[in-house]
Amino acid sequence: MRSVLHRLIERYAPLLVSAALLLGLFQFLIGAAVASANVGGAIELLLSTLPPIMQNAVATQLMGGLTTSGLIAFGWSHPIAQALGMAVAVVLAANAVAGEVEAGTIELVLSQPLSRRRYFGTHVLFALAALAGLGVAGVAGTVVGQYVFSLPHFAPAALLRLGACYLALMSACFGITLLLSAFARDGGRVATFGFLIALTSYVAQVIGALWLKAAFVLPYTLHHYFSPGDILVENASLTRPMAVLVGVFVAGIGIGWAHFRRRDLP
């Protein structure tokens, strides 16, 4: 187990450190944007970082007007914040099984005195720790930005709940991708499908929120259960969102393990 963990740390440290720094910096810069401009100007600045196809959709979503706190919370729903978390979750899951099979290294790793259960469990625990660290970095960026730019502060409990929900969302993406990885032999293909599933969830959530006729899709998207504005500003309950996201994670891990433990390798 230690050898697998050491290998994972060596392999993914650059990715994890880079993603954590970028997410923390992005959340910090959200505070800078809010402090250096009026709310309307900050919204315009945020929209300019989006792909043209999404600018109208997000602009419509923000037409109700946002407070300073609401705009800071929106930074957690921004595609950049979502993409950083999804990239880490998908890469770790895709390479856990399919990537190792494709590289021809999984048999060598499992030839050591290491059970499949420990191998699989180590990858899951490492991913949870990595995603938790990513969430902590993002929350730290938000907190530092609020202090440096003298913005309204969120309660520590609200920030803790935000970090927990972000972890649950990205863990759900990890669980789905690991399920695919447990059945596949091509890590690149698994990563592509995992990212497409996460991206589809995000886009479907945006469309469902803007178009009443498409609202029926919302409960079937992962991102419907991650609402930073409700968490930070409205103090909404996380009971149902956490239950759904954790349930998806557990189901993905469970089904993936059930197949992996009796799968022929490579």
C-alpha atoms as a PDB file:
ATOM      1  CA  MET A   1       0.000   0.000   0.000  1.00  0.00           C
ATOM      2  CA  ARG A   2       2.810   2.398   0.857  1.00  0.00           C
ATOM      3  CA  SER A   3       4.556   1.701  -2.432  1.00  0.00           C
ATOM      4  CA  VAL A   4       1.356   2.460  -4.384  1.00  0.00           C
ATOM      5  CA  LEU A   5       0.746   5.624  -2.373  1.00  0.00           C
ATOM      6  CA  HIS A   6       4.343   6.775  -2.858  1.00  0.00           C
ATOM      7  CA  ARG A   7       4.037   6.133  -6.595  1.00  0.00           C
ATOM      8  CA  LEU A   8       0.781   8.113  -6.794  1.00  0.00           C
ATOM      9  CA  ILE A   9       2.292  11.059  -4.952  1.00  0.00           C
ATOM     10  CA  GLU A  10       5.328  11.132  -7.242  1.00  0.00           C
ATOM     11  CA  ARG A  11       3.200  10.779 -10.345  1.00  0.00           C
ATOM     12  CA  TYR A  12       0.467  13.298  -9.598  1.00  0.00           C
ATOM     13  CA  ALA A  13       2.132  15.885  -7.347  1.00  0.00           C
ATOM     14  CA  PRO A  14       2.714  18.381 -10.215  1.00  0.00           C
ATOM     15  CA  LEU A  15      -0.907  18.082 -11.381  1.00  0.00           C
ATOM     16  CA  LEU A  16      -2.362  18.412  -7.894  1.00  0.00           C
ATOM     17  CA  VAL A  17      -0.162  21.316  -6.836  1.00  0.00           C
ATOM     18  CA  SER A  18      -0.846  23.169 -10.087  1.00  0.00           C
ATOM     19  CA  ALA A  19      -4.612  22.622  -9.874  1.00  0.00           C
ATOM     20  CA  ALA A  20      -4.717  23.699  -6.218  1.00  0.00           C
ATOM     21  CA  LEU A  21      -2.703  26.850  -6.885  1.00  0.00           C
ATOM     22  CA  LEU A  22      -4.831  27.738  -9.902  1.00  0.00           C
ATOM     23  CA  LEU A  23      -8.123  27.230  -8.061  1.00  0.00           C
ATOM     24  CA  GLY A  24      -6.931  29.209  -5.044  1.00  0.00           C
ATOM     25  CA  LEU A  25      -5.634  31.991  -7.290  1.00  0.00           C
ATOM     26  CA  PHE A  26      -8.848  32.059  -9.312  1.00  0.00           C
ATOM     27  CA  GLN A  27     -11.019  32.422  -6.211  1.00  0.00           C
ATOM     28  CA  PHE A  28      -8.682  35.127  -4.932  1.00  0.00           C
ATOM     29  CA  LEU A  29      -8.970  36.986  -8.234  1.00  0.00           C
ATOM     30  CA  ILE A  30     -12.746  36.765  -8.039  1.00  0.00           C
ATOM     31  CA  GLY A  31     -12.451  38.842  -4.880  1.00  0.00           C
ATOM     32  CA  ALA A  32     -10.131  41.267  -6.668  1.00  0.00           C
ATOM     33  CA  ALA A  33     -12.616  41.632  -9.537  1.00  0.00           C
ATOM     34  CA  VAL A  34     -15.476  42.323  -7.172  1.00  0.00           C
ATOM     35  CA  ALA A  35     -13.481  44.833  -5.117  1.00  0.00           C
ATOM     36  CA  SER A  36     -12.042  46.733  -8.081  1.00  0.00           C
ATOM     37  CA  ALA A  37     -15.305  47.197  -9.967  1.00  0.00           C
ATOM     38  CA  ASN A  38     -18.991  47.545  -9.366  1.00  0.00           C
ATOM     39  CA  VAL A  39     -21.044  44.365  -9.521  1.00  0.00           C
ATOM     40  CA  GLY A  40     -22.000  44.958 -13.132  1.00  0.00           C
ATOM     41  CA  GLY A  41     -18.386  45.488 -14.122  1.00  0.00           C
ATOM     42  CA  ALA A  42     -17.307  42.365 -12.276  1.00  0.00           C
ATOM     43  CA  ILE A  43     -19.976  40.331 -14.052  1.00  0.00           C
ATOM     44  CA  GLU A  44     -18.767  41.658 -17.402  1.00  0.00           C
ATOM     45  CA  LEU A  45     -15.203  40.677 -16.493  1.00  0.00           C
ATOM     46  CA  LEU A  46     -16.292  37.174 -15.516  1.00  0.00           C
ATOM     47  CA  LEU A  47     -18.324  36.730 -18.688  1.00  0.00           C
ATOM     48  CA  SER A  48     -15.339  37.710 -20.814  1.00  0.00           C
ATOM     49  CA  THR A  49     -13.502  34.595 -19.566  1.00  0.00           C
ATOM     50  CA  LEU A  50     -16.247  32.287 -20.833  1.00  0.00           C
ATOM     51  CA  PRO A  51     -16.560  30.706 -24.281  1.00  0.00           C
ATOM     52  CA  PRO A  52     -18.883  32.794 -26.517  1.00  0.00           C
ATOM     53  CA  ILE A  53     -21.447  29.992 -26.637  1.00  0.00           C
ATOM     54  CA  MET A  54     -21.915  30.198 -22.854  1.00  0.00           C
ATOM     55  CA  GLN A  55     -21.831  33.960 -22.350  1.00  0.00           C
ATOM     56  CA  ASN A  56     -25.502  34.587 -23.171  1.00  0.00           C
ATOM     57  CA  ALA A  57     -26.652  31.682 -21.018  1.00  0.00           C
ATOM     58  CA  VAL A  58     -24.686  32.789 -17.961  1.00  0.00           C
ATOM     59  CA  ALA A  59     -25.592  36.436 -18.516  1.00  0.00           C
ATOM     60  CA  THR A  60     -29.262  35.488 -18.478  1.00  0.00           C
ATOM     61  CA  GLN A  61     -28.707  33.488 -15.290  1.00  0.00           C
ATOM     62  CA  LEU A  62     -27.251  36.576 -13.612  1.00  0.00           C
ATOM     63  CA  MET A  63     -29.873  39.054 -14.780  1.00  0.00           C
ATOM     64  CA  GLY A  64     -31.637  38.922 -11.440  1.00  0.00           C
ATOM     65  CA  GLY A  65     -28.787  40.918  -9.971  1.00  0.00           C
ATOM     66  CA  LEU A  66     -26.169  39.708  -7.517  1.00  0.00           C
ATOM     67  CA  THR A  67     -24.861  41.021  -4.257  1.00  0.00           C
ATOM     68  CA  THR A  68     -21.128  41.091  -3.644  1.00  0.00           C
ATOM     69  CA  SER A  69     -21.408  37.838  -1.681  1.00  0.00           C
ATOM     70  CA  GLY A  70     -23.475  36.261  -4.417  1.00  0.00           C
ATOM     71  CA  LEU A  71     -20.931  37.179  -7.073  1.00  0.00           C
ATOM     72  CA  ILE A  72     -18.094  35.676  -5.009  1.00  0.00           C
ATOM     73  CA  ALA A  73     -20.173  32.512  -4.628  1.00  0.00           C
ATOM     74  CA  PHE A  74     -20.699  32.427  -8.402  1.00  0.00           C
ATOM     75  CA  GLY A  75     -16.940  32.017  -8.752  1.00  0.00           C
ATOM     76  CA  TRP A  76     -17.381  28.442  -7.532  1.00  0.00           C
ATOM     77  CA  SER A  77     -19.873  27.690 -10.313  1.00  0.00           C
ATOM     78  CA  HIS A  78     -17.628  29.225 -12.959  1.00  0.00           C
ATOM     79  CA  PRO A  79     -16.402  26.791 -15.646  1.00  0.00           C
ATOM     80  CA  ILE A  80     -12.776  27.364 -14.599  1.00  0.00           C
ATOM     81  CA  ALA A  81     -13.433  26.238 -11.020  1.00  0.00           C
ATOM     82  CA  GLN A  82     -15.440  23.278 -12.260  1.00  0.00           C
ATOM     83  CA  ALA A  83     -12.929  22.276 -14.938  1.00  0.00           C
ATOM     84  CA  LEU A  84     -10.011  22.208 -12.492  1.00  0.00           C
ATOM     85  CA  GLY A  85     -11.837  19.845 -10.154  1.00  0.00           C
ATOM     86  CA  MET A  86     -13.150  17.659 -12.961  1.00  0.00           C
ATOM     87  CA  ALA A  87      -9.687  17.381 -14.519  1.00  0.00           C
ATOM     88  CA  VAL A  88      -8.186  16.052 -11.288  1.00  0.00           C
ATOM     89  CA  ALA A  89     -11.076  13.663 -10.615  1.00  0.00           C
ATOM     90  CA  VAL A  90     -11.166  12.274 -14.153  1.00  0.00           C
ATOM     91  CA  VAL A  91      -7.404  11.863 -14.576  1.00  0.00           C
ATOM     92  CA  LEU A  92      -6.982  10.050 -11.253  1.00  0.00           C
ATOM     93  CA  ALA A  93      -9.894   7.708 -11.957  1.00  0.00           C
ATOM     94  CA  ALA A  94      -9.046   6.989 -15.600  1.00  0.00           C
ATOM     95  CA  ASN A  95      -5.457   6.052 -14.780  1.00  0.00           C
ATOM     96  CA  ALA A  96      -6.298   4.000 -11.679  1.00  0.00           C
ATOM     97  CA  VAL A  97      -7.199   0.897 -13.705  1.00  0.00           C
ATOM     98  CA  ALA A  98      -7.572   1.493 -17.451  1.00  0.00           C
ATOM     99  CA  GLY A  99      -4.482   3.693 -17.621  1.00  0.00           C
ATOM    100  CA  GLU A 100      -2.361   1.088 -15.832  1.00  0.00           C
ATOM    101  CA  VAL A 101      -3.726  -1.696 -18.045  1.00  0.00           C
ATOM    102  CA  GLU A 102      -2.990   0.343 -21.163  1.00  0.00           C
ATOM    103  CA  ALA A 103       0.567   1.038 -19.968  1.00  0.00           C
ATOM    104  CA  GLY A 104       1.079  -2.621 -19.081  1.00  0.00           C
ATOM    105  CA  THR A 105       2.139  -1.820 -15.507  1.00  0.00           C
ATOM    106  CA  ILE A 106      -0.801  -3.073 -13.463  1.00  0.00           C
ATOM    107  CA  GLU A 107       0.374  -6.700 -13.500  1.00  0.00           C
ATOM    108  CA  LEU A 108       3.791  -5.620 -12.242  1.00  0.00           C
ATOM    109  CA  VAL A 109       2.244  -3.591  -9.422  1.00  0.00           C
ATOM    110  CA  LEU A 110      -0.094  -6.404  -8.386  1.00  0.00           C
ATOM    111  CA  SER A 111       2.705  -8.990  -8.569  1.00  0.00           C
ATOM    112  CA  GLN A 112       4.009  -7.476  -5.337  1.00  0.00           C
ATOM    113  CA  PRO A 113       2.493  -8.631  -2.019  1.00  0.00           C
ATOM    114  CA  LEU A 114      -0.471  -6.339  -2.573  1.00  0.00           C
ATOM    115  CA  SER A 115      -4.101  -7.372  -2.814  1.00  0.00           C
ATOM    116  CA  ARG A 116      -6.488  -5.901  -5.343  1.00  0.00           C
ATOM    117  CA  ARG A 117      -8.568  -4.556  -2.484  1.00  0.00           C
ATOM    118  CA  ARG A 118      -5.648  -2.537  -1.127  1.00  0.00           C
ATOM    119  CA  TYR A 119      -4.639  -1.365  -4.574  1.00  0.00           C
ATOM    120  CA  PHE A 120      -8.156  -0.183  -5.405  1.00  0.00           C
ATOM    121  CA  GLY A 121      -8.721   1.300  -1.958  1.00  0.00           C
ATOM    122  CA  THR A 122      -5.437   3.219  -2.044  1.00  0.00           C
ATOM    123  CA  HIS A 123      -6.434   4.883  -5.309  1.00  0.00           C
ATOM    124  CA  VAL A 124      -9.803   5.861  -3.864  1.00  0.00           C
ATOM    125  CA  LEU A 125      -8.348   7.264  -0.639  1.00  0.00           C
ATOM    126  CA  PHE A 126      -5.648   9.142  -2.524  1.00  0.00           C
ATOM    127  CA  ALA A 127      -8.232  10.699  -4.833  1.00  0.00           C
ATOM    128  CA  LEU A 128     -10.415  11.771  -1.900  1.00  0.00           C
ATOM    129  CA  ALA A 129      -7.422  13.375  -0.183  1.00  0.00           C
ATOM    130  CA  ALA A 130      -6.387  15.115  -3.424  1.00  0.00           C
ATOM    131  CA  LEU A 131      -9.874  16.475  -4.085  1.00  0.00           C
ATOM    132  CA  ALA A 132     -10.235  17.579  -0.467  1.00  0.00           C
ATOM    133  CA  GLY A 133      -6.928  19.448  -0.749  1.00  0.00           C
ATOM    134  CA  LEU A 134      -8.164  21.098  -3.929  1.00  0.00           C
ATOM    135  CA  GLY A 135     -11.300  22.270  -2.142  1.00  0.00           C
ATOM    136  CA  VAL A 136      -9.254  23.614   0.778  1.00  0.00           C
ATOM    137  CA  ALA A 137      -7.063  25.591  -1.629  1.00  0.00           C
ATOM    138  CA  GLY A 138     -10.121  27.124  -3.272  1.00  0.00           C
ATOM    139  CA  VAL A 139     -11.715  28.048   0.052  1.00  0.00           C
ATOM    140  CA  ALA A 140      -8.410  29.552   1.195  1.00  0.00           C
ATOM    141  CA  GLY A 141      -8.355  31.688  -1.951  1.00  0.00           C
ATOM    142  CA  THR A 142     -11.867  32.929  -1.192  1.00  0.00           C
ATOM    143  CA  VAL A 143     -11.014  33.724   2.442  1.00  0.00           C
ATOM    144  CA  VAL A 144      -7.752  35.504   1.600  1.00  0.00           C
ATOM    145  CA  GLY A 145      -9.482  37.507  -1.121  1.00  0.00           C
ATOM    146  CA  GLN A 146     -12.180  38.634   1.309  1.00  0.00           C
ATOM    147  CA  TYR A 147      -9.608  39.792   3.866  1.00  0.00           C
ATOM    148  CA  VAL A 148      -7.213  41.444   1.416  1.00  0.00           C
ATOM    149  CA  PHE A 149      -9.939  43.348  -0.424  1.00  0.00           C
ATOM    150  CA  SER A 150     -12.128  44.056   2.633  1.00  0.00           C
ATOM    151  CA  LEU A 151     -15.130  42.183   1.307  1.00  0.00           C
ATOM    152  CA  PRO A 152     -18.004  40.749   3.379  1.00  0.00           C
ATOM    153  CA  HIS A 153     -16.858  37.595   5.146  1.00  0.00           C
ATOM    154  CA  PHE A 154     -18.638  34.261   4.957  1.00  0.00           C
ATOM    155  CA  ALA A 155     -19.170  32.322   8.158  1.00  0.00           C
ATOM    156  CA  PRO A 156     -16.583  29.552   8.709  1.00  0.00           C
ATOM    157  CA  ALA A 157     -19.397  26.978   8.850  1.00  0.00           C
ATOM    158  CA  ALA A 158     -20.687  28.113   5.440  1.00  0.00           C
ATOM    159  CA  LEU A 159     -17.210  27.812   3.924  1.00  0.00           C
ATOM    160  CA  LEU A 160     -16.819  24.347   5.426  1.00  0.00           C
ATOM    161  CA  ARG A 161     -20.140  23.295   3.918  1.00  0.00           C
ATOM    162  CA  LEU A 162     -19.110  24.725   0.538  1.00  0.00           C
ATOM    163  CA  GLY A 163     -15.842  22.779   0.602  1.00  0.00           C
ATOM    164  CA  ALA A 164     -17.662  19.585   1.586  1.00  0.00           C
ATOM    165  CA  CYS A 165     -20.185  19.932  -1.252  1.00  0.00           C
ATOM    166  CA  TYR A 166     -17.436  20.700  -3.787  1.00  0.00           C
ATOM    167  CA  LEU A 167     -15.604  17.579  -2.605  1.00  0.00           C
ATOM    168  CA  ALA A 168     -18.807  15.536  -2.928  1.00  0.00           C
ATOM    169  CA  LEU A 169     -19.414  16.813  -6.478  1.00  0.00           C
ATOM    170  CA  MET A 170     -15.901  16.024  -7.661  1.00  0.00           C
ATOM    171  CA  SER A 171     -15.964  12.673  -5.843  1.00  0.00           C
ATOM    172  CA  ALA A 172     -19.105  11.795  -7.773  1.00  0.00           C
ATOM    173  CA  CYS A 173     -17.257  12.600 -11.024  1.00  0.00           C
ATOM    174  CA  PHE A 174     -14.389  10.419  -9.797  1.00  0.00           C
ATOM    175  CA  GLY A 175     -16.727   7.551  -8.932  1.00  0.00           C
ATOM    176  CA  ILE A 176     -18.394   7.554 -12.351  1.00  0.00           C
ATOM    177  CA  THR A 177     -15.050   7.660 -14.159  1.00  0.00           C
ATOM    178  CA  LEU A 178     -13.551   4.940 -11.953  1.00  0.00           C
ATOM    179  CA  LEU A 179     -16.528   2.744 -12.802  1.00  0.00           C
ATOM    180  CA  LEU A 180     -15.715   3.186 -16.491  1.00  0.00           C
ATOM    181  CA  SER A 181     -12.033   2.634 -15.796  1.00  0.00           C
ATOM    182  CA  ALA A 182     -12.677  -0.681 -14.049  1.00  0.00           C
ATOM    183  CA  PHE A 183     -14.243  -2.064 -17.241  1.00  0.00           C
ATOM    184  CA  ALA A 184     -11.852  -0.547 -19.801  1.00  0.00           C
ATOM    185  CA  ARG A 185      -8.325  -0.958 -21.140  1.00  0.00           C
ATOM    186  CA  ASP A 186      -7.746   2.490 -22.645  1.00  0.00           C
ATOM    187  CA  GLY A 187      -7.114   5.262 -20.129  1.00  0.00           C
ATOM    188  CA  GLY A 188      -7.363   8.037 -22.692  1.00  0.00           C
ATOM    189  CA  ARG A 189     -10.771   6.910 -23.847  1.00  0.00           C
ATOM    190  CA  VAL A 190     -12.022   6.610 -20.266  1.00  0.00           C
ATOM    191  CA  ALA A 191     -10.766  10.112 -19.477  1.00  0.00           C
ATOM    192  CA  THR A 192     -12.564  11.463 -22.536  1.00  0.00           C
ATOM    193  CA  PHE A 193     -15.860   9.826 -21.604  1.00  0.00           C
ATOM    194  CA  GLY A 194     -15.511  10.833 -17.952  1.00  0.00           C
ATOM    195  CA  PHE A 195     -14.936  14.462 -18.843  1.00  0.00           C
ATOM    196  CA  LEU A 196     -17.788  14.440 -21.365  1.00  0.00           C
ATOM    197  CA  ILE A 197     -20.160  13.079 -18.728  1.00  0.00           C
ATOM    198  CA  ALA A 198     -19.134  15.810 -16.281  1.00  0.00           C
ATOM    199  CA  LEU A 199     -19.332  18.491 -18.971  1.00  0.00           C
ATOM    200  CA  THR A 200     -22.760  17.274 -20.079  1.00  0.00           C
ATOM    201  CA  SER A 201     -23.956  17.490 -16.489  1.00  0.00           C
ATOM    202  CA  TYR A 202     -22.737  21.089 -16.229  1.00  0.00           C
ATOM    203  CA  VAL A 203     -24.236  22.230 -19.536  1.00  0.00           C
ATOM    204  CA  ALA A 204     -27.528  20.420 -18.896  1.00  0.00           C
ATOM    205  CA  GLN A 205     -27.783  22.118 -15.520  1.00  0.00           C
ATOM    206  CA  VAL A 206     -27.291  25.554 -17.095  1.00  0.00           C
ATOM    207  CA  ILE A 207     -29.851  24.837 -19.827  1.00  0.00           C
ATOM    208  CA  GLY A 208     -32.356  23.406 -17.364  1.00  0.00           C
ATOM    209  CA  ALA A 209     -32.021  26.464 -15.132  1.00  0.00           C
ATOM    210  CA  LEU A 210     -32.641  28.853 -18.030  1.00  0.00           C
ATOM    211  CA  TRP A 211     -35.293  27.037 -20.070  1.00  0.00           C
ATOM    212  CA  LEU A 212     -38.441  25.969 -18.267  1.00  0.00           C
ATOM    213  CA  LYS A 213     -39.229  23.235 -20.781  1.00  0.00           C
ATOM    214  CA  ALA A 214     -35.854  21.642 -20.032  1.00  0.00           C
ATOM    215  CA  ALA A 215     -36.117  21.983 -16.251  1.00  0.00           C
ATOM    216  CA  PHE A 216     -37.052  18.304 -15.935  1.00  0.00           C
ATOM    217  CA  VAL A 217     -33.377  17.379 -16.556  1.00  0.00           C
ATOM    218  CA  LEU A 218     -32.114  19.216 -13.463  1.00  0.00           C
ATOM    219  CA  PRO A 219     -32.534  16.390 -10.918  1.00  0.00           C
ATOM    220  CA  TYR A 220     -30.570  14.111 -13.252  1.00  0.00           C
ATOM    221  CA  THR A 221     -27.489  16.360 -13.367  1.00  0.00           C
ATOM    222  CA  LEU A 222     -24.720  16.249 -10.785  1.00  0.00           C
ATOM    223  CA  HIS A 223     -24.291  20.021 -10.824  1.00  0.00           C
ATOM    224  CA  HIS A 224     -27.887  20.620  -9.806  1.00  0.00           C
ATOM    225  CA  TYR A 225     -26.824  19.493  -6.333  1.00  0.00           C
ATOM    226  CA  PHE A 226     -23.969  21.991  -6.066  1.00  0.00           C
ATOM    227  CA  SER A 227     -25.255  25.534  -5.578  1.00  0.00           C
ATOM    228  CA  PRO A 228     -22.606  27.813  -4.017  1.00  0.00           C
ATOM    229  CA  GLY A 229     -24.985  30.764  -3.813  1.00  0.00           C
ATOM    230  CA  ASP A 230     -27.525  28.779  -1.811  1.00  0.00           C
ATOM    231  CA  ILE A 231     -24.795  27.401   0.442  1.00  0.00           C
ATOM    232  CA  LEU A 232     -22.938  30.651   1.162  1.00  0.00           C
ATOM    233  CA  VAL A 233     -25.704  33.238   0.935  1.00  0.00           C
ATOM    234  CA  GLU A 234     -28.978  31.424   1.640  1.00  0.00           C
ATOM    235  CA  ASN A 235     -27.579  28.860   4.112  1.00  0.00           C
ATOM    236  CA  ALA A 236     -29.557  26.128   2.340  1.00  0.00           C
ATOM    237  CA  SER A 237     -29.660  22.581   3.652  1.00  0.00           C
ATOM    238  CA  LEU A 238     -27.110  20.152   2.224  1.00  0.00           C
ATOM    239  CA  THR A 239     -28.860  16.987   3.316  1.00  0.00           C
ATOM    240  CA  ARG A 240     -30.313  16.037  -0.075  1.00  0.00           C
ATOM    241  CA  PRO A 241     -27.442  17.333  -2.258  1.00  0.00           C
ATOM    242  CA  MET A 242     -24.840  15.496  -0.176  1.00  0.00           C
ATOM    243  CA  ALA A 243     -26.929  12.325  -0.089  1.00  0.00           C
ATOM    244  CA  VAL A 244     -27.245  12.297  -3.889  1.00  0.00           C
ATOM    245  CA  LEU A 245     -23.604  13.137  -4.649  1.00  0.00           C
ATOM    246  CA  VAL A 246     -22.182  10.753  -2.058  1.00  0.00           C
ATOM    247  CA  GLY A 247     -24.617   8.097  -3.284  1.00  0.00           C
ATOM    248  CA  VAL A 248     -23.323   8.460  -6.856  1.00  0.00           C
ATOM    249  CA  PHE A 249     -19.743   8.217  -5.595  1.00  0.00           C
ATOM    250  CA  VAL A 250     -20.436   5.112  -3.507  1.00  0.00           C
ATOM    251  CA  ALA A 251     -22.354   3.443  -6.342  1.00  0.00           C
ATOM    252  CA  GLY A 252     -19.556   4.110  -8.829  1.00  0.00           C
ATOM    253  CA  ILE A 253     -16.883   2.833  -6.457  1.00  0.00           C
ATOM    254  CA  GLY A 254     -18.951  -0.185  -5.465  1.00  0.00           C
ATOM    255  CA  ILE A 255     -19.807  -1.349  -8.975  1.00  0.00           C
ATOM    256  CA  GLY A 256     -16.291  -0.614 -10.189  1.00  0.00           C
ATOM    257  CA  TRP A 257     -14.777  -2.677  -7.359  1.00  0.00           C
ATOM    258  CA  ALA A 258     -17.221  -5.540  -7.905  1.00  0.00           C
ATOM    259  CA  HIS A 259     -15.952  -5.890 -11.476  1.00  0.00           C
ATOM    260  CA  PHE A 260     -12.282  -5.120 -10.825  1.00  0.00           C
ATOM    261  CA  ARG A 261     -11.843  -7.739  -8.111  1.00  0.00           C
ATOM    262  CA  ARG A 262     -12.680 -10.576 -10.529  1.00  0.00           C
ATOM    263  CA  ARG A 263     -11.467  -9.009 -13.775  1.00  0.00           C
ATOM    264  CA  ASP A 264      -8.805 -10.707 -15.891  1.00  0.00           C
ATOM    265  CA  LEU A 265      -5.706  -8.562 -16.240  1.00  0.00           C
ATOM    266  CA  PRO A 266      -4.455  -7.110 -18.426  1.00  0.00           C
END
